[in-house]
């Protein structure tokens, strides 16, 4: 939880989320992808685990991805999944909702379009991202896997 990783050329990046959100940023042409397991919307000055917070995970993932680009400007795309309401006692607005809203806001500010979104509900999700294609596979308990 709260981790992030990047890859180039091939491989899978994986995580499991409930109220947390998996956010992938990728460029299919360059075969580059990153995946962050965002637990909370804001870091409030905490910097020891940048993948944990939306406001630090996305910039850190981009920084790591851009190391592969040799200074060339790259057009990024994103996909997100998670943000479930995992417990019946949770209020109307949950940490999952706040995570999704923060991620959407940050990506919009960076002009990174969200091409697919599988958020909300009451079930956890297993996420896998194919580095070579940017394809995100989302497995939700009781449902067929979805590919975006």
C-alpha atoms as a PDB file:
ATOM      1  CA  UNK A   1       0.000   0.000   0.000  1.00  0.00           C
ATOM      2  CA  UNK A   2       1.181   3.470  -0.797  1.00  0.00           C
ATOM      3  CA  UNK A   3       3.808   2.212  -3.241  1.00  0.00           C
ATOM      4  CA  UNK A   4       4.444   3.213  -6.810  1.00  0.00           C
ATOM      5  CA  UNK A   5       6.398   1.660  -9.623  1.00  0.00           C
ATOM      6  CA  UNK A   6       7.276   2.361 -13.227  1.00  0.00           C
ATOM      7  CA  UNK A   7       8.351   0.183 -16.113  1.00  0.00           C
ATOM      8  CA  UNK A   8       9.522   0.302 -19.688  1.00  0.00           C
ATOM      9  CA  UNK A   9       9.018  -2.095 -22.605  1.00  0.00           C
ATOM     10  CA  UNK A  10       7.232  -5.019 -20.890  1.00  0.00           C
ATOM     11  CA  UNK A  11       6.022  -6.532 -17.638  1.00  0.00           C
ATOM     12  CA  UNK A  12       3.060  -6.084 -15.323  1.00  0.00           C
ATOM     13  CA  UNK A  13       2.554  -3.604 -12.508  1.00  0.00           C
ATOM     14  CA  UNK A  14       0.063  -4.907  -9.916  1.00  0.00           C
ATOM     15  CA  UNK A  15      -1.770  -3.822  -6.791  1.00  0.00           C
ATOM     16  CA  UNK A  16      -4.933  -4.494  -4.809  1.00  0.00           C
ATOM     17  CA  UNK A  17      -7.178  -1.605  -3.750  1.00  0.00           C
ATOM     18  CA  UNK A  18     -10.300  -1.062  -1.666  1.00  0.00           C
ATOM     19  CA  UNK A  19     -10.920   2.568  -0.733  1.00  0.00           C
ATOM     20  CA  UNK A  20      -7.450   3.306  -2.103  1.00  0.00           C
ATOM     21  CA  UNK A  21      -7.111   4.136  -5.801  1.00  0.00           C
ATOM     22  CA  UNK A  22      -4.760   2.639  -8.349  1.00  0.00           C
ATOM     23  CA  UNK A  23      -3.704   5.292 -10.835  1.00  0.00           C
ATOM     24  CA  UNK A  24      -1.721   4.415 -13.928  1.00  0.00           C
ATOM     25  CA  UNK A  25      -0.015   6.917 -16.185  1.00  0.00           C
ATOM     26  CA  UNK A  26       1.267   5.592 -19.494  1.00  0.00           C
ATOM     27  CA  UNK A  27       2.397   6.260 -23.026  1.00  0.00           C
ATOM     28  CA  UNK A  28       1.645   3.340 -25.338  1.00  0.00           C
ATOM     29  CA  UNK A  29       3.946   4.520 -28.148  1.00  0.00           C
ATOM     30  CA  UNK A  30       6.965   4.689 -25.826  1.00  0.00           C
ATOM     31  CA  UNK A  31       5.919   1.513 -23.922  1.00  0.00           C
ATOM     32  CA  UNK A  32       6.119   3.317 -20.590  1.00  0.00           C
ATOM     33  CA  UNK A  33       3.755   2.916 -17.634  1.00  0.00           C
ATOM     34  CA  UNK A  34       3.583   3.641 -13.948  1.00  0.00           C
ATOM     35  CA  UNK A  35       1.164   2.535 -11.228  1.00  0.00           C
ATOM     36  CA  UNK A  36       0.608   4.155  -7.838  1.00  0.00           C
ATOM     37  CA  UNK A  37      -1.448   2.814  -4.919  1.00  0.00           C
ATOM     38  CA  UNK A  38      -2.893   6.069  -3.560  1.00  0.00           C
ATOM     39  CA  UNK A  39      -4.197   5.791   0.006  1.00  0.00           C
ATOM     40  CA  UNK A  40      -5.005   9.423   0.832  1.00  0.00           C
ATOM     41  CA  UNK A  41      -5.721  12.608  -1.155  1.00  0.00           C
ATOM     42  CA  UNK A  42      -3.193  14.958   0.496  1.00  0.00           C
ATOM     43  CA  UNK A  43       0.299  14.553   1.945  1.00  0.00           C
ATOM     44  CA  UNK A  44       0.150  17.636   4.184  1.00  0.00           C
ATOM     45  CA  UNK A  45       3.925  17.923   4.055  1.00  0.00           C
ATOM     46  CA  UNK A  46       4.734  14.227   4.511  1.00  0.00           C
ATOM     47  CA  UNK A  47       7.264  13.131   1.931  1.00  0.00           C
ATOM     48  CA  UNK A  48       8.696   9.823   3.155  1.00  0.00           C
ATOM     49  CA  UNK A  49       6.305   7.693   1.057  1.00  0.00           C
ATOM     50  CA  UNK A  50       5.274   9.706  -2.027  1.00  0.00           C
ATOM     51  CA  UNK A  51       3.139   6.900  -3.517  1.00  0.00           C
ATOM     52  CA  UNK A  52       0.758   7.075  -0.572  1.00  0.00           C
ATOM     53  CA  UNK A  53      -0.772  10.472  -1.399  1.00  0.00           C
ATOM     54  CA  UNK A  54      -2.430  11.736  -4.592  1.00  0.00           C
ATOM     55  CA  UNK A  55      -0.614  15.080  -4.468  1.00  0.00           C
ATOM     56  CA  UNK A  56       2.820  13.435  -4.275  1.00  0.00           C
ATOM     57  CA  UNK A  57       2.275  10.114  -6.102  1.00  0.00           C
ATOM     58  CA  UNK A  58       1.371  11.595  -9.476  1.00  0.00           C
ATOM     59  CA  UNK A  59       4.276  14.073  -9.692  1.00  0.00           C
ATOM     60  CA  UNK A  60       6.727  11.421  -8.456  1.00  0.00           C
ATOM     61  CA  UNK A  61       5.450   8.863 -10.969  1.00  0.00           C
ATOM     62  CA  UNK A  62       5.833  11.409 -13.783  1.00  0.00           C
ATOM     63  CA  UNK A  63       9.350  12.269 -12.591  1.00  0.00           C
ATOM     64  CA  UNK A  64      10.334   8.586 -12.715  1.00  0.00           C
ATOM     65  CA  UNK A  65       8.672   7.997 -16.089  1.00  0.00           C
ATOM     66  CA  UNK A  66      10.306  11.049 -17.635  1.00  0.00           C
ATOM     67  CA  UNK A  67      13.750   9.653 -16.792  1.00  0.00           C
ATOM     68  CA  UNK A  68      13.149   7.158 -19.626  1.00  0.00           C
ATOM     69  CA  UNK A  69      12.352   9.949 -22.119  1.00  0.00           C
ATOM     70  CA  UNK A  70      15.721  11.663 -22.458  1.00  0.00           C
ATOM     71  CA  UNK A  71      14.251  15.158 -22.257  1.00  0.00           C
ATOM     72  CA  UNK A  72      11.687  14.522 -25.007  1.00  0.00           C
ATOM     73  CA  UNK A  73       8.172  15.807 -24.333  1.00  0.00           C
ATOM     74  CA  UNK A  74       5.753  12.897 -23.997  1.00  0.00           C
ATOM     75  CA  UNK A  75       1.950  12.958 -24.043  1.00  0.00           C
ATOM     76  CA  UNK A  76       0.659  10.928 -21.098  1.00  0.00           C
ATOM     77  CA  UNK A  77      -2.710   9.247 -20.507  1.00  0.00           C
ATOM     78  CA  UNK A  78      -4.203   7.859 -17.306  1.00  0.00           C
ATOM     79  CA  UNK A  79      -6.602   5.210 -16.030  1.00  0.00           C
ATOM     80  CA  UNK A  80      -7.897   4.850 -12.475  1.00  0.00           C
ATOM     81  CA  UNK A  81      -9.623   2.159 -10.417  1.00  0.00           C
ATOM     82  CA  UNK A  82     -10.671   1.789  -6.798  1.00  0.00           C
ATOM     83  CA  UNK A  83     -12.241   4.184  -4.324  1.00  0.00           C
ATOM     84  CA  UNK A  84     -14.732   1.646  -2.986  1.00  0.00           C
ATOM     85  CA  UNK A  85     -16.918   2.199   0.059  1.00  0.00           C
ATOM     86  CA  UNK A  86     -15.591  -0.807   1.951  1.00  0.00           C
ATOM     87  CA  UNK A  87     -17.504  -0.483   5.219  1.00  0.00           C
ATOM     88  CA  UNK A  88     -21.217   0.030   5.854  1.00  0.00           C
ATOM     89  CA  UNK A  89     -20.558   2.596   8.607  1.00  0.00           C
ATOM     90  CA  UNK A  90     -18.774   5.014   6.245  1.00  0.00           C
ATOM     91  CA  UNK A  91     -20.328   8.433   5.656  1.00  0.00           C
ATOM     92  CA  UNK A  92     -21.781   9.588   2.358  1.00  0.00           C
ATOM     93  CA  UNK A  93     -18.407  11.007   1.268  1.00  0.00           C
ATOM     94  CA  UNK A  94     -15.701   8.430   1.891  1.00  0.00           C
ATOM     95  CA  UNK A  95     -11.923   8.505   1.712  1.00  0.00           C
ATOM     96  CA  UNK A  96     -12.326   6.630  -1.577  1.00  0.00           C
ATOM     97  CA  UNK A  97     -14.446   9.464  -2.979  1.00  0.00           C
ATOM     98  CA  UNK A  98     -11.870  12.012  -1.797  1.00  0.00           C
ATOM     99  CA  UNK A  99      -9.039  10.008  -3.371  1.00  0.00           C
ATOM    100  CA  UNK A 100     -10.813   9.821  -6.732  1.00  0.00           C
ATOM    101  CA  UNK A 101     -11.651  13.546  -6.675  1.00  0.00           C
ATOM    102  CA  UNK A 102      -8.059  14.510  -5.798  1.00  0.00           C
ATOM    103  CA  UNK A 103      -6.609  12.313  -8.552  1.00  0.00           C
ATOM    104  CA  UNK A 104      -9.053  13.655 -11.151  1.00  0.00           C
ATOM    105  CA  UNK A 105      -8.222  17.238 -10.149  1.00  0.00           C
ATOM    106  CA  UNK A 106      -4.443  16.725 -10.290  1.00  0.00           C
ATOM    107  CA  UNK A 107      -4.576  14.938 -13.655  1.00  0.00           C
ATOM    108  CA  UNK A 108      -6.799  17.698 -15.080  1.00  0.00           C
ATOM    109  CA  UNK A 109      -4.326  20.355 -13.897  1.00  0.00           C
ATOM    110  CA  UNK A 110      -1.519  18.427 -15.625  1.00  0.00           C
ATOM    111  CA  UNK A 111      -3.629  18.049 -18.810  1.00  0.00           C
ATOM    112  CA  UNK A 112      -3.452  14.242 -18.585  1.00  0.00           C
ATOM    113  CA  UNK A 113      -6.702  12.710 -19.855  1.00  0.00           C
ATOM    114  CA  UNK A 114      -8.316   9.853 -17.941  1.00  0.00           C
ATOM    115  CA  UNK A 115      -9.148   7.258 -20.601  1.00  0.00           C
ATOM    116  CA  UNK A 116     -10.827   4.741 -18.286  1.00  0.00           C
ATOM    117  CA  UNK A 117     -12.263   4.732 -14.796  1.00  0.00           C
ATOM    118  CA  UNK A 118     -13.571   1.875 -12.638  1.00  0.00           C
ATOM    119  CA  UNK A 119     -14.337   3.481  -9.282  1.00  0.00           C
ATOM    120  CA  UNK A 120     -16.815   3.284  -6.429  1.00  0.00           C
ATOM    121  CA  UNK A 121     -18.948   0.348  -5.418  1.00  0.00           C
ATOM    122  CA  UNK A 122     -18.390  -1.764  -2.315  1.00  0.00           C
ATOM    123  CA  UNK A 123     -15.786  -4.303  -3.459  1.00  0.00           C
ATOM    124  CA  UNK A 124     -12.018  -4.330  -3.528  1.00  0.00           C
ATOM    125  CA  UNK A 125     -10.261  -4.687  -6.852  1.00  0.00           C
ATOM    126  CA  UNK A 126      -7.101  -6.342  -8.116  1.00  0.00           C
ATOM    127  CA  UNK A 127      -5.358  -4.203 -10.737  1.00  0.00           C
ATOM    128  CA  UNK A 128      -2.714  -5.170 -13.287  1.00  0.00           C
ATOM    129  CA  UNK A 129      -1.209  -2.809 -15.864  1.00  0.00           C
ATOM    130  CA  UNK A 130       0.595  -4.080 -18.960  1.00  0.00           C
ATOM    131  CA  UNK A 131       3.607  -1.791 -19.352  1.00  0.00           C
ATOM    132  CA  UNK A 132       3.889  -2.360 -23.122  1.00  0.00           C
ATOM    133  CA  UNK A 133       0.290  -1.430 -23.954  1.00  0.00           C
ATOM    134  CA  UNK A 134      -1.048   0.541 -20.978  1.00  0.00           C
ATOM    135  CA  UNK A 135      -3.929  -1.948 -20.739  1.00  0.00           C
ATOM    136  CA  UNK A 136      -5.390  -2.032 -17.242  1.00  0.00           C
ATOM    137  CA  UNK A 137      -7.085  -5.241 -16.113  1.00  0.00           C
ATOM    138  CA  UNK A 138      -9.435  -4.844 -13.153  1.00  0.00           C
ATOM    139  CA  UNK A 139     -10.721  -7.876 -11.273  1.00  0.00           C
ATOM    140  CA  UNK A 140     -13.611  -7.289  -8.875  1.00  0.00           C
ATOM    141  CA  UNK A 141     -14.987 -10.036  -6.638  1.00  0.00           C
ATOM    142  CA  UNK A 142     -18.108 -11.535  -8.201  1.00  0.00           C
ATOM    143  CA  UNK A 143     -17.573  -9.994 -11.640  1.00  0.00           C
ATOM    144  CA  UNK A 144     -15.772 -10.792 -14.864  1.00  0.00           C
ATOM    145  CA  UNK A 145     -12.378  -9.115 -15.278  1.00  0.00           C
ATOM    146  CA  UNK A 146     -12.549  -5.830 -17.182  1.00  0.00           C
ATOM    147  CA  UNK A 147      -9.841  -4.591 -19.552  1.00  0.00           C
ATOM    148  CA  UNK A 148      -9.441  -0.925 -20.305  1.00  0.00           C
END
